[in-house]
Amino acid sequence: MTTVVTVRKNGRVCIAADTLARYGDQLEPAENIANSDKLVTIGDTLLAPTGPASAQLILRSYFANPERVADFSSVDAIFETMRQLHGCLKDDYFLNPKEDDEQPFESTQMTCMVANSTGIYGVYSLRSVQEYRRYYAFGSGSEYALGAMQALYEEPLEAEEIAIRAVEAAAKLDSATETPVTFKTLVLD
C-alpha cells in the first residue's frame, strides 16, 4: 500500500507520497528500489496513485500517447479523462475491474490524488472525482495523514511542510507507509 496526500494553502499546492513498496509481508524500501517515487508527472499535472505497484507505470505509459485525453483542469474534465482511461485499462493493460458483486460500476483498482495549478482532486476507484479546498489523503495511512493535516493546517506552515509532516506521521503509525517522502509543489492560477 501507500500513503499519498495533497495540500492547498497560500496560493500553492503540494502533493506528497511515501516511498515503500510492499508485496505481502515483503518490504521494498526506497534504499533498495531506484524507482520508488510514486509521483507521476503528466504535463503540468502531478498524480499520486494508490493501489498496485504497477499503477505509476501504467499511468505514465497510458498518458505518453499524445492522442489520449489528459485534461485535469476540473472535476468534469478529470472524470472524462479517467472514464477513457478505464476502457484502456481493461483492453490494453489487462485490468481485472471486479472488486465485489455489490459494486455498481467496474473498478480501476486504484485511487489517485491529483494536483495542478487549478487545485487538488481525488479520484476514487469507481471514477468519482472530488475537488478539495484544503487537503486530503488516500492510502493505508490516510487516517493518520488526515489527522496530522487537520492539526497542522491552521499553523503558520506552508503546504509543503504540512504534506511532508502528514506522510511522516502516517509512516510512524502505519506499517505500509515509510519514509523518505517525495513531494512536489506548484503555484495555483
C-alpha atoms as a PDB file:
ATOM      1  CA  MET A   1       0.000   0.000   0.000  1.00  0.00           C
ATOM      2  CA  THR A   2       0.986   3.621   0.225  1.00  0.00           C
ATOM      3  CA  THR A   3       0.057   6.988   1.643  1.00  0.00           C
ATOM      4  CA  VAL A   4      -0.410  10.000  -0.647  1.00  0.00           C
ATOM      5  CA  VAL A   5      -1.540  13.500   0.328  1.00  0.00           C
ATOM      6  CA  THR A   6      -2.347  16.852  -1.246  1.00  0.00           C
ATOM      7  CA  VAL A   7      -2.405  20.226   0.497  1.00  0.00           C
ATOM      8  CA  ARG A   8      -3.639  23.578  -0.819  1.00  0.00           C
ATOM      9  CA  LYS A   9      -2.562  26.669   1.106  1.00  0.00           C
ATOM     10  CA  ASN A  10      -1.332  30.232   0.496  1.00  0.00           C
ATOM     11  CA  GLY A  11      -1.630  30.010  -3.293  1.00  0.00           C
ATOM     12  CA  ARG A  12       0.333  26.764  -3.583  1.00  0.00           C
ATOM     13  CA  VAL A  13      -0.479  23.073  -3.834  1.00  0.00           C
ATOM     14  CA  CYS A  14       1.758  20.263  -2.673  1.00  0.00           C
ATOM     15  CA  ILE A  15       1.426  16.568  -3.419  1.00  0.00           C
ATOM     16  CA  ALA A  16       3.466  14.077  -1.403  1.00  0.00           C
ATOM     17  CA  ALA A  17       3.851  10.309  -1.071  1.00  0.00           C
ATOM     18  CA  ASP A  18       5.783   7.747   0.867  1.00  0.00           C
ATOM     19  CA  THR A  19       8.274   5.508  -0.940  1.00  0.00           C
ATOM     20  CA  LEU A  20       7.641   1.999   0.394  1.00  0.00           C
ATOM     21  CA  ALA A  21       6.561  -0.845  -1.892  1.00  0.00           C
ATOM     22  CA  ARG A  22       5.115  -3.972  -0.343  1.00  0.00           C
ATOM     23  CA  TYR A  23       4.310  -7.441  -1.637  1.00  0.00           C
ATOM     24  CA  GLY A  24       2.538  -9.251   1.172  1.00  0.00           C
ATOM     25  CA  ASP A  25       4.957  -9.240   4.090  1.00  0.00           C
ATOM     26  CA  GLN A  26       7.934  -8.396   1.877  1.00  0.00           C
ATOM     27  CA  LEU A  27       9.031  -4.763   2.158  1.00  0.00           C
ATOM     28  CA  GLU A  28      10.868  -2.941  -0.614  1.00  0.00           C
ATOM     29  CA  PRO A  29      12.198   0.297   0.921  1.00  0.00           C
ATOM     30  CA  ALA A  30      13.417   3.258  -1.124  1.00  0.00           C
ATOM     31  CA  GLU A  31      17.052   2.488  -0.269  1.00  0.00           C
ATOM     32  CA  ASN A  32      16.734  -0.703  -2.361  1.00  0.00           C
ATOM     33  CA  ILE A  33      14.416   0.472  -5.155  1.00  0.00           C
ATOM     34  CA  ALA A  34      15.686   3.030  -7.679  1.00  0.00           C
ATOM     35  CA  ASN A  35      12.170   3.920  -8.918  1.00  0.00           C
ATOM     36  CA  SER A  36      10.484   4.328  -5.521  1.00  0.00           C
ATOM     37  CA  ASP A  37       8.983   7.756  -6.307  1.00  0.00           C
ATOM     38  CA  LYS A  38       5.182   7.359  -6.561  1.00  0.00           C
ATOM     39  CA  LEU A  39       4.526  10.768  -8.138  1.00  0.00           C
ATOM     40  CA  VAL A  40       3.675  10.762 -11.849  1.00  0.00           C
ATOM     41  CA  THR A  41       4.022  13.917 -13.959  1.00  0.00           C
ATOM     42  CA  ILE A  42       1.570  14.322 -16.857  1.00  0.00           C
ATOM     43  CA  GLY A  43       2.170  17.701 -18.500  1.00  0.00           C
ATOM     44  CA  ASP A  44       1.632  20.287 -15.758  1.00  0.00           C
ATOM     45  CA  THR A  45      -0.308  17.856 -13.540  1.00  0.00           C
ATOM     46  CA  LEU A  46       1.009  15.607 -10.799  1.00  0.00           C
ATOM     47  CA  LEU A  47      -0.683  12.301  -9.979  1.00  0.00           C
ATOM     48  CA  ALA A  48      -0.108  10.061  -6.969  1.00  0.00           C
ATOM     49  CA  PRO A  49      -1.950   6.724  -7.317  1.00  0.00           C
ATOM     50  CA  THR A  50      -2.559   4.136  -4.638  1.00  0.00           C
ATOM     51  CA  GLY A  51      -3.204   0.505  -5.427  1.00  0.00           C
ATOM     52  CA  PRO A  52      -0.986  -1.914  -7.315  1.00  0.00           C
ATOM     53  CA  ALA A  53       2.687  -1.001  -7.688  1.00  0.00           C
ATOM     54  CA  SER A  54       2.194  -1.043 -11.459  1.00  0.00           C
ATOM     55  CA  ALA A  55      -0.172   1.967 -11.255  1.00  0.00           C
ATOM     56  CA  GLN A  56       2.614   4.517 -11.787  1.00  0.00           C
ATOM     57  CA  LEU A  57       3.966   2.595 -14.789  1.00  0.00           C
ATOM     58  CA  ILE A  58       0.510   2.244 -16.305  1.00  0.00           C
ATOM     59  CA  LEU A  59      -0.317   5.941 -15.896  1.00  0.00           C
ATOM     60  CA  ARG A  60       2.999   7.004 -17.444  1.00  0.00           C
ATOM     61  CA  SER A  61       2.552   4.518 -20.306  1.00  0.00           C
ATOM     62  CA  TYR A  62      -1.072   5.477 -20.997  1.00  0.00           C
ATOM     63  CA  PHE A  63      -0.530   9.245 -20.953  1.00  0.00           C
ATOM     64  CA  ALA A  64       2.687   9.013 -23.015  1.00  0.00           C
ATOM     65  CA  ASN A  65       0.413   8.685 -26.068  1.00  0.00           C
ATOM     66  CA  PRO A  66      -0.315  12.302 -27.122  1.00  0.00           C
ATOM     67  CA  GLU A  67      -3.597  11.242 -28.759  1.00  0.00           C
ATOM     68  CA  ARG A  68      -5.100  10.324 -25.386  1.00  0.00           C
ATOM     69  CA  VAL A  69      -7.114  12.837 -23.390  1.00  0.00           C
ATOM     70  CA  ALA A  70      -5.138  14.191 -20.422  1.00  0.00           C
ATOM     71  CA  ASP A  71      -7.371  17.013 -19.164  1.00  0.00           C
ATOM     72  CA  PHE A  72      -7.087  17.564 -15.413  1.00  0.00           C
ATOM     73  CA  SER A  73      -8.487  21.112 -15.337  1.00  0.00           C
ATOM     74  CA  SER A  74     -11.766  20.461 -13.482  1.00  0.00           C
ATOM     75  CA  VAL A  75     -13.863  17.763 -11.822  1.00  0.00           C
ATOM     76  CA  ASP A  76     -15.766  17.059 -15.050  1.00  0.00           C
ATOM     77  CA  ALA A  77     -12.611  17.024 -17.193  1.00  0.00           C
ATOM     78  CA  ILE A  78     -10.872  14.624 -14.790  1.00  0.00           C
ATOM     79  CA  PHE A  79     -13.926  12.354 -14.805  1.00  0.00           C
ATOM     80  CA  GLU A  80     -13.895  12.169 -18.618  1.00  0.00           C
ATOM     81  CA  THR A  81     -10.141  11.567 -18.656  1.00  0.00           C
ATOM     82  CA  MET A  82     -10.461   8.717 -16.141  1.00  0.00           C
ATOM     83  CA  ARG A  83     -13.502   7.266 -17.916  1.00  0.00           C
ATOM     84  CA  GLN A  84     -11.487   6.962 -21.109  1.00  0.00           C
ATOM     85  CA  LEU A  85      -8.525   5.551 -19.197  1.00  0.00           C
ATOM     86  CA  HIS A  86     -10.723   2.830 -17.665  1.00  0.00           C
ATOM     87  CA  GLY A  87     -11.619   1.276 -21.030  1.00  0.00           C
ATOM     88  CA  CYS A  88      -7.973   1.168 -21.997  1.00  0.00           C
ATOM     89  CA  LEU A  89      -7.017  -0.339 -18.624  1.00  0.00           C
ATOM     90  CA  LYS A  90      -9.177  -3.347 -19.416  1.00  0.00           C
ATOM     91  CA  ASP A  91      -8.214  -3.706 -23.080  1.00  0.00           C
ATOM     92  CA  ASP A  92      -4.516  -2.817 -23.120  1.00  0.00           C
ATOM     93  CA  TYR A  93      -3.341  -3.322 -19.522  1.00  0.00           C
ATOM     94  CA  PHE A  94      -5.491  -6.384 -18.667  1.00  0.00           C
ATOM     95  CA  LEU A  95      -7.178  -4.863 -15.620  1.00  0.00           C
ATOM     96  CA  ASN A  96      -9.495  -7.098 -13.615  1.00  0.00           C
ATOM     97  CA  PRO A  97     -12.192  -4.482 -12.874  1.00  0.00           C
ATOM     98  CA  LYS A  98     -14.163  -6.511 -10.337  1.00  0.00           C
ATOM     99  CA  GLU A  99     -13.818  -5.706  -6.639  1.00  0.00           C
ATOM    100  CA  ASP A 100     -17.003  -7.438  -5.479  1.00  0.00           C
ATOM    101  CA  ASP A 101     -20.500  -8.303  -6.702  1.00  0.00           C
ATOM    102  CA  GLU A 102     -22.103  -5.375  -4.851  1.00  0.00           C
ATOM    103  CA  GLN A 103     -20.220  -2.665  -6.769  1.00  0.00           C
ATOM    104  CA  PRO A 104     -22.445  -0.675  -9.161  1.00  0.00           C
ATOM    105  CA  PHE A 105     -19.543   0.005 -11.583  1.00  0.00           C
ATOM    106  CA  GLU A 106     -16.268  -1.584 -12.560  1.00  0.00           C
ATOM    107  CA  SER A 107     -13.251  -0.525 -10.519  1.00  0.00           C
ATOM    108  CA  THR A 108      -9.988   0.934 -11.806  1.00  0.00           C
ATOM    109  CA  GLN A 109      -8.358  -0.798  -8.789  1.00  0.00           C
ATOM    110  CA  MET A 110      -6.636   2.444  -7.751  1.00  0.00           C
ATOM    111  CA  THR A 111      -7.384   5.780  -6.182  1.00  0.00           C
ATOM    112  CA  CYS A 112      -5.393   8.795  -7.247  1.00  0.00           C
ATOM    113  CA  MET A 113      -4.544  12.224  -5.835  1.00  0.00           C
ATOM    114  CA  VAL A 114      -4.263  14.944  -8.496  1.00  0.00           C
ATOM    115  CA  ALA A 115      -2.528  18.318  -8.115  1.00  0.00           C
ATOM    116  CA  ASN A 116      -2.082  21.114 -10.633  1.00  0.00           C
ATOM    117  CA  SER A 117      -2.443  24.873 -10.952  1.00  0.00           C
ATOM    118  CA  THR A 118      -6.253  24.572 -10.844  1.00  0.00           C
ATOM    119  CA  GLY A 119      -6.322  22.816  -7.446  1.00  0.00           C
ATOM    120  CA  ILE A 120      -6.253  19.439  -5.725  1.00  0.00           C
ATOM    121  CA  TYR A 121      -8.514  16.496  -6.531  1.00  0.00           C
ATOM    122  CA  GLY A 122      -9.138  12.913  -5.529  1.00  0.00           C
ATOM    123  CA  VAL A 123     -10.184  10.220  -8.000  1.00  0.00           C
ATOM    124  CA  TYR A 124     -11.808   7.145  -6.471  1.00  0.00           C
ATOM    125  CA  SER A 125     -11.680   3.616  -7.884  1.00  0.00           C
ATOM    126  CA  LEU A 126     -15.226   3.915  -9.293  1.00  0.00           C
ATOM    127  CA  ARG A 127     -14.143   7.157 -11.024  1.00  0.00           C
ATOM    128  CA  SER A 128     -15.940   9.665  -8.826  1.00  0.00           C
ATOM    129  CA  VAL A 129     -13.918  12.868  -8.512  1.00  0.00           C
ATOM    130  CA  GLN A 130     -13.769  15.299  -5.591  1.00  0.00           C
ATOM    131  CA  GLU A 131     -12.123  18.722  -5.542  1.00  0.00           C
ATOM    132  CA  TYR A 132     -10.634  19.558  -2.149  1.00  0.00           C
ATOM    133  CA  ARG A 133     -10.352  23.086  -0.782  1.00  0.00           C
ATOM    134  CA  ARG A 134      -7.647  22.433   1.815  1.00  0.00           C
ATOM    135  CA  TYR A 135      -6.188  18.895   1.905  1.00  0.00           C
ATOM    136  CA  TYR A 136      -6.869  15.188   1.546  1.00  0.00           C
ATOM    137  CA  ALA A 137      -5.164  11.793   1.682  1.00  0.00           C
ATOM    138  CA  PHE A 138      -5.532   8.325   0.200  1.00  0.00           C
ATOM    139  CA  GLY A 139      -3.940   5.008   1.064  1.00  0.00           C
ATOM    140  CA  SER A 140      -3.288   2.775   4.027  1.00  0.00           C
ATOM    141  CA  GLY A 141      -2.027   5.584   6.258  1.00  0.00           C
ATOM    142  CA  SER A 142      -4.601   8.143   5.150  1.00  0.00           C
ATOM    143  CA  GLU A 143      -6.377   8.359   8.515  1.00  0.00           C
ATOM    144  CA  TYR A 144      -3.125   9.300  10.251  1.00  0.00           C
ATOM    145  CA  ALA A 145      -2.182  11.748   7.498  1.00  0.00           C
ATOM    146  CA  LEU A 146      -5.630  13.383   7.624  1.00  0.00           C
ATOM    147  CA  GLY A 147      -5.356  13.774  11.403  1.00  0.00           C
ATOM    148  CA  ALA A 148      -1.940  15.373  11.063  1.00  0.00           C
ATOM    149  CA  MET A 149      -3.159  17.763   8.372  1.00  0.00           C
ATOM    150  CA  GLN A 150      -6.196  18.712  10.470  1.00  0.00           C
ATOM    151  CA  ALA A 151      -3.917  19.510  13.418  1.00  0.00           C
ATOM    152  CA  LEU A 152      -1.354  21.423  11.333  1.00  0.00           C
ATOM    153  CA  TYR A 153      -3.400  23.290   8.742  1.00  0.00           C
ATOM    154  CA  GLU A 154      -4.107  26.440  10.775  1.00  0.00           C
ATOM    155  CA  GLU A 155      -0.495  26.639  11.976  1.00  0.00           C
ATOM    156  CA  PRO A 156       1.873  29.087  10.227  1.00  0.00           C
ATOM    157  CA  LEU A 157       3.205  26.391   7.899  1.00  0.00           C
ATOM    158  CA  GLU A 158       3.385  26.181   4.127  1.00  0.00           C
ATOM    159  CA  ALA A 159       1.676  23.473   2.056  1.00  0.00           C
ATOM    160  CA  GLU A 160       4.949  21.512   1.675  1.00  0.00           C
ATOM    161  CA  GLU A 161       5.604  21.377   5.406  1.00  0.00           C
ATOM    162  CA  ILE A 162       2.091  20.153   6.146  1.00  0.00           C
ATOM    163  CA  ALA A 163       2.190  17.500   3.408  1.00  0.00           C
ATOM    164  CA  ILE A 164       5.591  16.146   4.435  1.00  0.00           C
ATOM    165  CA  ARG A 165       4.662  16.029   8.121  1.00  0.00           C
ATOM    166  CA  ALA A 166       1.401  14.259   7.276  1.00  0.00           C
ATOM    167  CA  VAL A 167       3.160  11.468   5.380  1.00  0.00           C
ATOM    168  CA  GLU A 168       5.797  11.241   8.124  1.00  0.00           C
ATOM    169  CA  ALA A 169       3.026  10.868  10.735  1.00  0.00           C
ATOM    170  CA  ALA A 170       1.487   8.061   8.696  1.00  0.00           C
ATOM    171  CA  ALA A 171       4.910   6.382   8.430  1.00  0.00           C
ATOM    172  CA  LYS A 172       5.211   6.372  12.227  1.00  0.00           C
ATOM    173  CA  LEU A 173       1.828   4.672  12.695  1.00  0.00           C
ATOM    174  CA  ASP A 174       1.062   2.637   9.551  1.00  0.00           C
ATOM    175  CA  SER A 175       3.081  -0.499   8.708  1.00  0.00           C
ATOM    176  CA  ALA A 176       2.582   0.003   4.950  1.00  0.00           C
ATOM    177  CA  THR A 177       3.953   3.579   4.853  1.00  0.00           C
ATOM    178  CA  GLU A 178       7.621   4.522   5.046  1.00  0.00           C
ATOM    179  CA  THR A 179       9.914   7.491   4.561  1.00  0.00           C
ATOM    180  CA  PRO A 180      11.614   9.121   2.771  1.00  0.00           C
ATOM    181  CA  VAL A 181       8.808  11.331   1.487  1.00  0.00           C
ATOM    182  CA  THR A 182       8.767  12.564  -2.090  1.00  0.00           C
ATOM    183  CA  PHE A 183       6.865  15.759  -2.877  1.00  0.00           C
ATOM    184  CA  LYS A 184       6.352  18.463  -5.486  1.00  0.00           C
ATOM    185  CA  THR A 185       4.819  21.899  -5.147  1.00  0.00           C
ATOM    186  CA  LEU A 186       3.000  24.001  -7.738  1.00  0.00           C
ATOM    187  CA  VAL A 187       1.614  27.546  -7.788  1.00  0.00           C
ATOM    188  CA  LEU A 188      -2.155  27.946  -8.177  1.00  0.00           C
ATOM    189  CA  ASP A 189      -3.606  30.000 -11.034  1.00  0.00           C
END
